[in-house]
N, C-alpha and C. Protein backbone atom coordinates (compact mmCIF):
# COMPACT_ATOMS: atom_id res chain seq x y z
N MET A 1 23.50 -15.04 12.07
CA MET A 1 22.49 -14.57 11.68
C MET A 1 22.18 -12.92 10.91
N ASN A 2 21.54 -13.10 10.32
CA ASN A 2 21.69 -11.76 9.12
C ASN A 2 20.58 -10.61 9.87
N LYS A 3 21.32 -9.66 9.85
CA LYS A 3 20.11 -8.72 10.51
C LYS A 3 19.49 -7.50 9.48
N ASP A 4 19.79 -7.57 8.59
CA ASP A 4 19.45 -6.61 7.24
C ASP A 4 18.07 -7.21 6.92
N TYR A 5 16.96 -6.67 6.03
CA TYR A 5 16.09 -6.53 6.63
C TYR A 5 15.90 -7.26 4.45
N GLN A 6 15.04 -8.45 4.38
CA GLN A 6 15.50 -9.73 3.64
C GLN A 6 14.15 -9.33 2.45
N HIS A 7 12.39 -8.52 3.07
CA HIS A 7 12.08 -8.27 2.17
C HIS A 7 10.80 -6.90 3.08
N ILE A 8 10.66 -5.29 1.97
CA ILE A 8 10.52 -4.63 2.37
C ILE A 8 8.96 -5.13 2.06
N LEU A 9 7.60 -4.06 2.62
CA LEU A 9 7.34 -4.22 2.14
C LEU A 9 6.58 -2.64 2.04
N LEU A 10 6.06 -1.48 1.17
CA LEU A 10 5.29 -0.76 1.47
C LEU A 10 3.77 -0.06 0.90
N ALA A 11 3.23 -0.06 1.73
CA ALA A 11 1.66 0.28 2.05
C ALA A 11 1.46 1.62 1.42
N THR A 12 1.03 1.44 0.09
CA THR A 12 0.52 3.02 -0.39
C THR A 12 -0.36 3.33 -0.79
N ASP A 13 -1.46 4.52 -0.47
CA ASP A 13 -2.43 4.85 -0.92
C ASP A 13 -2.43 6.14 -2.10
N PHE A 14 -1.21 6.04 -2.83
CA PHE A 14 -0.49 6.62 -3.56
C PHE A 14 -0.69 8.50 -2.90
N SER A 15 -0.77 8.99 -1.72
CA SER A 15 -0.71 10.21 -1.53
C SER A 15 1.07 10.46 -1.44
N PRO A 16 1.31 12.30 -1.12
CA PRO A 16 1.70 12.61 -0.85
C PRO A 16 2.61 12.02 0.28
N PHE A 17 2.09 11.19 1.09
CA PHE A 17 3.29 10.24 2.49
C PHE A 17 2.99 9.53 2.06
N SER A 18 2.85 8.85 0.91
CA SER A 18 2.87 7.74 0.45
C SER A 18 4.63 7.72 -0.05
N LYS A 19 4.04 8.55 -1.53
CA LYS A 19 5.23 9.23 -2.26
C LYS A 19 6.36 9.26 -1.28
N HIS A 20 6.56 9.87 -0.17
CA HIS A 20 7.64 9.97 0.31
C HIS A 20 8.10 8.57 1.71
N ALA A 21 7.40 8.70 2.02
CA ALA A 21 6.94 6.77 2.20
C ALA A 21 7.93 6.29 1.23
N ALA A 22 7.55 5.91 0.71
CA ALA A 22 8.95 4.89 -0.76
C ALA A 22 9.80 4.98 -0.99
N ARG A 23 9.97 6.25 -0.80
CA ARG A 23 11.45 7.02 -1.11
C ARG A 23 12.14 6.12 0.47
N ARG A 24 11.69 6.68 1.00
CA ARG A 24 12.54 5.72 2.43
C ARG A 24 12.81 4.24 2.56
N ALA A 25 11.55 3.58 1.98
CA ALA A 25 12.04 2.23 2.18
C ALA A 25 12.82 1.54 0.41
N MET A 26 13.27 2.41 0.01
CA MET A 26 14.21 2.15 -1.86
C MET A 26 15.56 2.69 -0.68
N LYS A 27 14.93 3.84 0.24
CA LYS A 27 16.91 3.41 0.59
C LYS A 27 17.12 2.65 1.65
N LEU A 28 16.19 2.73 2.37
CA LEU A 28 16.20 1.31 3.39
C LEU A 28 17.26 -0.06 2.79
N ALA A 29 16.11 -0.62 1.45
CA ALA A 29 16.41 -1.52 0.51
C ALA A 29 17.70 -1.69 0.04
N SER A 30 18.16 -0.05 -0.57
CA SER A 30 19.22 -0.64 -1.56
C SER A 30 20.40 -0.11 -0.04
N TYR A 31 20.01 0.31 1.18
CA TYR A 31 21.58 -0.94 2.34
C TYR A 31 21.47 -1.99 2.55
N CYS A 32 20.70 -2.97 2.28
CA CYS A 32 21.08 -4.07 2.90
C CYS A 32 21.24 -5.01 1.27
N ASP A 33 22.26 -6.18 1.26
CA ASP A 33 21.64 -7.09 -0.41
C ASP A 33 21.49 -7.65 -0.19
N GLU A 34 20.38 -8.07 -1.16
CA GLU A 34 18.97 -8.50 -1.35
C GLU A 34 18.22 -8.32 -1.21
N THR A 35 17.83 -7.58 -0.76
CA THR A 35 16.41 -7.06 0.01
C THR A 35 15.28 -6.95 -1.33
N ARG A 36 14.14 -7.04 -1.31
CA ARG A 36 13.72 -7.54 -2.33
C ARG A 36 11.95 -6.19 -1.88
N LEU A 37 11.85 -5.39 -2.67
CA LEU A 37 10.49 -5.03 -1.95
C LEU A 37 9.11 -4.78 -2.57
N THR A 38 8.64 -4.72 -1.90
CA THR A 38 6.96 -4.44 -3.02
C THR A 38 6.69 -3.83 -2.55
N PHE A 39 5.45 -2.82 -3.38
CA PHE A 39 4.77 -2.27 -2.96
C PHE A 39 3.25 -2.62 -3.19
N ILE A 40 2.86 -2.75 -2.17
CA ILE A 40 0.94 -2.68 -2.08
C ILE A 40 0.26 -1.88 -2.35
N HIS A 41 -1.00 -1.96 -2.82
CA HIS A 41 -1.97 -1.07 -2.96
C HIS A 41 -3.44 -1.81 -2.37
N VAL A 42 -4.12 -1.17 -0.90
CA VAL A 42 -5.25 -2.05 -0.94
C VAL A 42 -6.39 -1.32 -1.78
N ILE A 43 -7.63 -1.52 -2.10
CA ILE A 43 -8.21 -1.14 -2.96
C ILE A 43 -9.69 -1.25 -1.78
N ASP A 44 -10.02 -0.54 -1.07
CA ASP A 44 -11.14 -0.54 0.66
C ASP A 44 -12.10 -1.11 -0.01
N GLU A 45 -12.69 -2.87 0.49
CA GLU A 45 -14.34 -3.21 -0.58
C GLU A 45 -14.97 -2.98 -0.37
N ASP A 46 -15.02 -1.87 0.76
CA ASP A 46 -16.90 -1.40 1.53
C ASP A 46 -16.64 -0.81 0.04
N TYR A 47 -16.09 0.38 -0.54
CA TYR A 47 -15.74 1.45 -1.78
C TYR A 47 -16.09 0.15 -3.55
N TYR A 48 -14.82 -0.28 -2.81
CA TYR A 48 -14.82 -1.85 -4.24
C TYR A 48 -16.42 -2.35 -4.31
N ASP A 49 -16.68 -2.65 -3.36
CA ASP A 49 -18.40 -3.43 -3.73
C ASP A 49 -19.31 -1.62 -4.00
N GLU A 50 -19.42 -1.55 -2.63
CA GLU A 50 -19.78 -0.15 -3.43
C GLU A 50 -20.65 0.33 -4.45
N PHE A 51 -19.55 0.21 -5.47
CA PHE A 51 -19.69 0.75 -6.75
C PHE A 51 -19.55 -0.39 -7.95
N GLY A 52 -19.42 -1.95 -7.48
CA GLY A 52 -19.09 -2.70 -8.20
C GLY A 52 -21.06 -2.92 -7.83
N SER A 53 -22.07 -2.94 -6.87
CA SER A 53 -23.06 -3.14 -6.41
C SER A 53 -24.24 -1.72 -7.21
N VAL A 54 -23.65 -0.76 -7.52
CA VAL A 54 -24.88 0.77 -7.79
C VAL A 54 -24.68 0.03 -10.15
N PHE A 55 -23.06 -0.40 -10.28
CA PHE A 55 -22.92 -0.29 -11.59
C PHE A 55 -22.93 -1.44 -12.19
N SER A 56 -22.96 -2.85 -10.95
CA SER A 56 -23.15 -4.27 -11.84
C SER A 56 -23.40 -4.44 -12.99
N GLY A 57 -22.76 -5.29 -13.91
CA GLY A 57 -23.60 -5.62 -15.63
C GLY A 57 -23.21 -4.18 -16.85
N LEU A 58 -22.96 -3.62 -15.74
CA LEU A 58 -22.56 -1.80 -16.94
C LEU A 58 -20.95 -2.01 -17.48
N ALA A 59 -21.57 -2.29 -18.96
CA ALA A 59 -19.85 -2.87 -20.23
C ALA A 59 -20.04 -1.31 -20.77
N THR A 60 -18.28 -1.34 -20.67
CA THR A 60 -18.18 -0.43 -21.04
C THR A 60 -17.33 -0.14 -22.92
N GLY A 61 -16.71 0.59 -22.82
CA GLY A 61 -16.26 0.20 -24.49
C GLY A 61 -14.98 -0.49 -24.16
N GLY A 62 -14.08 -0.25 -23.22
CA GLY A 62 -12.65 -0.65 -22.59
C GLY A 62 -12.82 -2.32 -22.60
N GLY A 63 -14.36 -2.93 -22.77
CA GLY A 63 -14.60 -4.05 -22.36
C GLY A 63 -14.82 -4.53 -20.96
N PHE A 64 -14.35 -3.72 -20.00
CA PHE A 64 -14.86 -4.09 -18.89
C PHE A 64 -15.79 -4.19 -18.14
N THR A 65 -16.55 -5.29 -17.75
CA THR A 65 -17.79 -6.18 -17.41
C THR A 65 -18.22 -5.13 -16.17
N ASN A 66 -17.57 -4.15 -15.24
CA ASN A 66 -18.62 -3.68 -14.37
C ASN A 66 -17.79 -2.26 -13.85
N GLN A 67 -18.52 -1.70 -13.31
CA GLN A 67 -16.85 -0.55 -12.72
C GLN A 67 -16.01 -1.21 -11.19
N GLN A 68 -16.37 -2.45 -11.13
CA GLN A 68 -14.61 -2.41 -10.12
C GLN A 68 -14.19 -3.17 -11.21
N ASP A 69 -14.19 -3.28 -11.75
CA ASP A 69 -12.96 -3.79 -13.06
C ASP A 69 -12.52 -2.22 -13.25
N VAL A 70 -12.97 -0.88 -14.16
CA VAL A 70 -12.56 -0.08 -14.04
C VAL A 70 -11.71 0.18 -12.36
N LEU A 71 -12.04 -0.19 -11.56
CA LEU A 71 -11.09 0.40 -9.95
C LEU A 71 -10.20 0.01 -10.04
N LEU A 72 -10.56 -1.23 -10.49
CA LEU A 72 -8.83 -2.22 -10.65
C LEU A 72 -8.05 -1.81 -11.68
N LYS A 73 -8.83 -1.78 -12.34
CA LYS A 73 -8.06 -1.01 -13.50
C LYS A 73 -7.07 0.30 -13.36
N GLU A 74 -8.13 1.51 -13.08
CA GLU A 74 -7.10 2.85 -12.04
C GLU A 74 -6.24 2.39 -11.43
N ALA A 75 -7.15 2.22 -10.35
CA ALA A 75 -5.50 1.19 -9.29
C ALA A 75 -4.14 0.66 -10.18
N GLN A 76 -3.64 -0.23 -10.81
CA GLN A 76 -3.38 -0.38 -11.52
C GLN A 76 -2.31 0.02 -12.15
N ASP A 77 -2.87 1.40 -12.57
CA ASP A 77 -2.42 2.51 -13.70
C ASP A 77 -1.48 3.19 -12.54
N GLN A 78 -2.76 3.71 -11.69
CA GLN A 78 -1.99 4.52 -11.03
C GLN A 78 -0.86 4.27 -10.04
N MET A 79 -0.73 2.54 -9.84
CA MET A 79 0.43 2.13 -9.35
C MET A 79 1.79 2.08 -10.62
N LEU A 80 1.45 1.81 -11.31
CA LEU A 80 2.55 2.20 -12.44
C LEU A 80 2.75 3.09 -12.11
N HIS A 81 2.05 4.50 -13.26
CA HIS A 81 2.25 6.11 -12.38
C HIS A 81 3.50 6.44 -11.26
N PHE A 82 3.25 5.01 -10.38
CA PHE A 82 3.83 6.34 -9.07
C PHE A 82 4.85 5.40 -9.01
N THR A 83 5.67 4.27 -9.37
CA THR A 83 5.99 3.06 -9.63
C THR A 83 7.33 3.76 -10.53
N ASN A 84 7.15 4.53 -12.07
CA ASN A 84 7.56 5.02 -12.16
C ASN A 84 7.86 6.52 -12.66
N LYS A 85 7.41 7.12 -11.23
CA LYS A 85 8.05 8.44 -10.87
C LYS A 85 9.02 8.27 -9.64
N LEU A 86 8.87 7.95 -9.23
CA LEU A 86 9.50 7.23 -8.11
C LEU A 86 10.90 6.76 -9.33
N ASP A 87 11.80 6.52 -10.62
CA ASP A 87 12.43 5.79 -10.68
C ASP A 87 12.12 3.86 -10.11
N ALA A 88 10.73 3.13 -9.47
CA ALA A 88 11.19 1.89 -8.73
C ALA A 88 11.36 0.88 -9.96
N ASN A 89 12.42 0.74 -9.92
CA ASN A 89 12.16 0.09 -11.62
C ASN A 89 12.17 -1.93 -11.16
N ASP A 90 12.51 -1.97 -9.67
CA ASP A 90 13.32 -3.68 -9.25
C ASP A 90 12.19 -4.34 -8.29
N VAL A 91 10.91 -2.59 -8.46
CA VAL A 91 9.95 -3.52 -7.02
C VAL A 91 9.41 -4.06 -7.87
N GLN A 92 8.45 -5.21 -7.13
CA GLN A 92 7.05 -6.22 -7.58
C GLN A 92 6.45 -4.64 -7.02
N THR A 93 5.16 -5.46 -6.94
CA THR A 93 3.62 -4.59 -7.39
C THR A 93 2.36 -5.44 -7.35
N LYS A 94 1.69 -5.12 -6.51
CA LYS A 94 0.57 -5.90 -6.12
C LYS A 94 -0.62 -4.66 -5.73
N VAL A 95 -2.19 -4.88 -6.08
CA VAL A 95 -3.16 -3.73 -5.83
C VAL A 95 -4.25 -5.28 -5.90
N VAL A 96 -4.89 -5.26 -4.45
CA VAL A 96 -5.64 -6.22 -4.83
C VAL A 96 -6.93 -5.28 -4.00
N LYS A 97 -8.50 -5.99 -3.89
CA LYS A 97 -9.45 -5.61 -2.69
C LYS A 97 -9.51 -6.35 -2.22
N GLY A 98 -9.33 -5.32 -0.27
CA GLY A 98 -9.62 -5.79 1.24
C GLY A 98 -10.23 -4.78 1.50
N ILE A 99 -9.59 -5.17 3.23
CA ILE A 99 -9.93 -3.87 3.93
C ILE A 99 -7.75 -4.00 4.54
N PRO A 100 -7.60 -2.53 4.46
CA PRO A 100 -6.27 -2.58 4.07
C PRO A 100 -5.39 -2.41 5.46
N ARG A 101 -6.29 -2.30 6.34
CA ARG A 101 -5.59 -2.61 7.69
C ARG A 101 -5.09 -4.03 7.65
N LYS A 102 -6.14 -5.33 7.18
CA LYS A 102 -5.91 -6.58 7.48
C LYS A 102 -4.98 -7.46 6.38
N THR A 103 -5.32 -6.76 4.73
CA THR A 103 -4.52 -7.11 3.88
C THR A 103 -3.12 -6.79 4.22
N ILE A 104 -3.20 -5.60 4.34
CA ILE A 104 -1.77 -5.21 4.58
C ILE A 104 -1.39 -6.02 5.52
N MET A 105 -1.58 -6.41 6.86
CA MET A 105 -0.85 -7.53 7.72
C MET A 105 -0.93 -9.29 6.93
N THR A 106 -1.75 -8.84 6.61
CA THR A 106 -2.21 -11.10 6.20
C THR A 106 -0.50 -10.97 4.43
N PHE A 107 -0.79 -10.42 3.90
CA PHE A 107 0.08 -9.95 3.39
C PHE A 107 1.49 -10.28 3.39
N ALA A 108 1.50 -9.69 4.22
CA ALA A 108 3.62 -9.14 5.24
C ALA A 108 3.30 -10.47 5.73
N LYS A 109 2.48 -11.14 6.42
CA LYS A 109 3.05 -12.32 6.89
C LYS A 109 2.49 -13.50 5.89
N THR A 110 1.59 -13.40 5.44
CA THR A 110 2.04 -15.08 3.62
C THR A 110 3.41 -14.83 2.67
N HIS A 111 3.56 -13.34 2.90
CA HIS A 111 5.18 -13.44 2.05
C HIS A 111 6.17 -12.67 2.87
N HIS A 112 6.26 -13.06 3.71
CA HIS A 112 7.47 -13.81 4.78
C HIS A 112 7.86 -12.29 5.26
N ILE A 113 6.94 -11.29 5.25
CA ILE A 113 7.91 -9.07 5.03
C ILE A 113 8.19 -9.18 6.21
N ASP A 114 9.73 -8.63 6.75
CA ASP A 114 10.67 -8.08 7.71
C ASP A 114 9.88 -6.72 8.27
N LEU A 115 9.49 -6.12 6.98
CA LEU A 115 9.53 -4.32 7.58
C LEU A 115 8.64 -4.47 6.50
N ILE A 116 7.07 -3.29 7.26
CA ILE A 116 6.25 -2.26 6.42
C ILE A 116 6.56 -1.01 6.32
N VAL A 117 6.48 -0.26 5.25
CA VAL A 117 6.20 1.05 4.99
C VAL A 117 5.83 1.36 5.17
N MET A 118 5.14 2.75 5.42
CA MET A 118 3.84 3.18 5.70
C MET A 118 3.75 4.86 5.89
N GLY A 119 3.07 5.73 4.75
CA GLY A 119 3.02 7.03 5.46
C GLY A 119 2.71 6.90 6.02
N ALA A 120 2.54 8.50 7.30
CA ALA A 120 1.34 9.14 8.45
C ALA A 120 1.36 10.03 8.51
N HIS A 121 -0.13 9.92 8.34
CA HIS A 121 -0.65 11.56 8.07
C HIS A 121 -0.14 12.73 9.14
N GLY A 122 0.26 11.31 10.51
CA GLY A 122 0.11 12.81 11.74
C GLY A 122 -1.20 13.10 12.42
N ARG A 123 -1.89 12.69 12.33
CA ARG A 123 -3.30 12.75 13.08
C ARG A 123 -2.89 12.80 14.45
N HIS A 124 -4.42 13.63 14.41
CA HIS A 124 -4.22 14.05 16.03
C HIS A 124 -5.78 14.27 17.08
N GLY A 125 -5.99 13.87 18.30
CA GLY A 125 -7.46 14.16 18.90
C GLY A 125 -8.36 12.70 18.43
N LEU A 126 -9.70 13.19 17.88
CA LEU A 126 -10.52 12.58 17.44
C LEU A 126 -10.57 11.82 16.50
N ALA A 127 -9.68 11.83 15.10
CA ALA A 127 -9.51 11.72 14.25
C ALA A 127 -7.96 10.02 14.54
N ARG A 128 -7.57 10.07 15.41
CA ARG A 128 -6.83 9.55 15.76
C ARG A 128 -7.70 7.98 16.61
N LEU A 129 -7.92 8.90 17.63
CA LEU A 129 -9.02 7.64 18.38
C LEU A 129 -9.82 6.81 17.70
N LEU A 130 -10.30 7.32 16.45
CA LEU A 130 -11.02 6.93 15.16
C LEU A 130 -9.93 5.70 14.59
N GLY A 131 -9.26 6.46 14.49
CA GLY A 131 -7.96 4.72 13.83
C GLY A 131 -7.48 5.44 12.21
N SER A 132 -6.06 4.90 12.09
CA SER A 132 -6.10 4.72 10.46
C SER A 132 -5.66 3.66 10.11
N THR A 133 -4.94 3.47 9.43
CA THR A 133 -4.82 2.10 7.88
C THR A 133 -3.48 2.02 9.08
N THR A 134 -2.39 3.19 9.23
CA THR A 134 -1.22 3.19 10.21
C THR A 134 -0.64 3.25 10.89
N ASN A 135 -2.23 3.71 12.22
CA ASN A 135 -1.73 2.88 13.15
C ASN A 135 -2.10 1.76 13.66
N ASN A 136 -3.77 0.91 12.47
CA ASN A 136 -3.47 -0.95 13.08
C ASN A 136 -2.73 -1.02 12.62
N VAL A 137 -1.92 -0.74 11.48
CA VAL A 137 -0.74 -2.12 11.30
C VAL A 137 0.04 -1.90 12.34
N MET A 138 0.52 -1.14 12.82
CA MET A 138 1.86 -0.05 14.24
C MET A 138 1.57 -1.77 15.04
N ASN A 139 0.50 -1.00 15.39
CA ASN A 139 -0.42 -1.67 17.43
C ASN A 139 -0.38 -3.23 16.84
N TYR A 140 -1.00 -4.31 15.51
CA TYR A 140 -1.31 -5.32 15.58
C TYR A 140 -0.54 -6.30 14.29
N SER A 141 0.31 -5.21 13.67
CA SER A 141 1.58 -5.88 13.00
C SER A 141 2.88 -7.29 13.72
N GLN A 142 2.70 -8.55 12.92
CA GLN A 142 3.71 -9.60 13.13
C GLN A 142 5.47 -8.97 13.33
N CYS A 143 5.08 -8.13 12.82
CA CYS A 143 6.70 -7.95 11.60
C CYS A 143 7.15 -5.55 11.96
N ASP A 144 8.69 -5.45 12.39
CA ASP A 144 8.72 -4.63 12.26
C ASP A 144 7.91 -3.34 11.11
N VAL A 145 7.31 -1.97 11.47
CA VAL A 145 6.52 -1.08 11.23
C VAL A 145 7.27 0.29 11.08
N LEU A 146 7.21 1.27 9.95
CA LEU A 146 7.98 2.16 9.70
C LEU A 146 7.10 3.14 9.28
N ALA A 147 6.52 4.25 10.69
CA ALA A 147 5.93 4.97 10.03
C ALA A 147 6.28 6.33 9.77
N VAL A 148 6.09 6.76 7.98
CA VAL A 148 7.19 8.16 7.89
C VAL A 148 6.26 9.35 7.79
N TYR A 149 6.62 10.02 8.81
CA TYR A 149 6.24 11.33 8.69
C TYR A 149 6.59 12.56 7.84
N MET A 150 5.04 12.90 7.20
CA MET A 150 6.27 13.71 6.10
C MET A 150 5.65 15.43 6.89
N ARG A 151 6.59 16.08 6.95
CA ARG A 151 6.39 17.29 7.80
C ARG A 151 6.15 18.28 7.05
N ASN A 152 5.26 19.85 7.07
CA ASN A 152 5.35 20.80 6.70
C ASN A 152 4.34 20.41 5.49
N VAL A 153 3.21 19.40 5.78
CA VAL A 153 2.34 19.77 4.20
C VAL A 153 1.50 20.30 4.76
């Protein structure tokens, strides 16, 4: 039985925490033969839908039909910038709309992810009780989850 990770998923919000976690995911993938690495960014559907309802039907010079298209394009551009800055040439990328914690876990299940890597902000107290995406994924995912803490931020 091969114990190497076959498919690693980095969930990113493009923060410095995610950048640090991406480097760790890339390093882990380099240790395992034939490991696929995917970066996913989930646009929070509440934020996405709020702008869509406010600006629905808004036509812009770029040919976008509404603000949702603008948000999606900006997120795709951020993903490209994020991967280029990391020299992550051999990764697949995905930008989707949804509830981040649920979308990450659903993607992991449907794409046979062995390991989810996420940056952790290291929140404590009330902020931790209210929950974070990383905390939810760690507690409810059906695969391994690596929370990468970034010290001295």
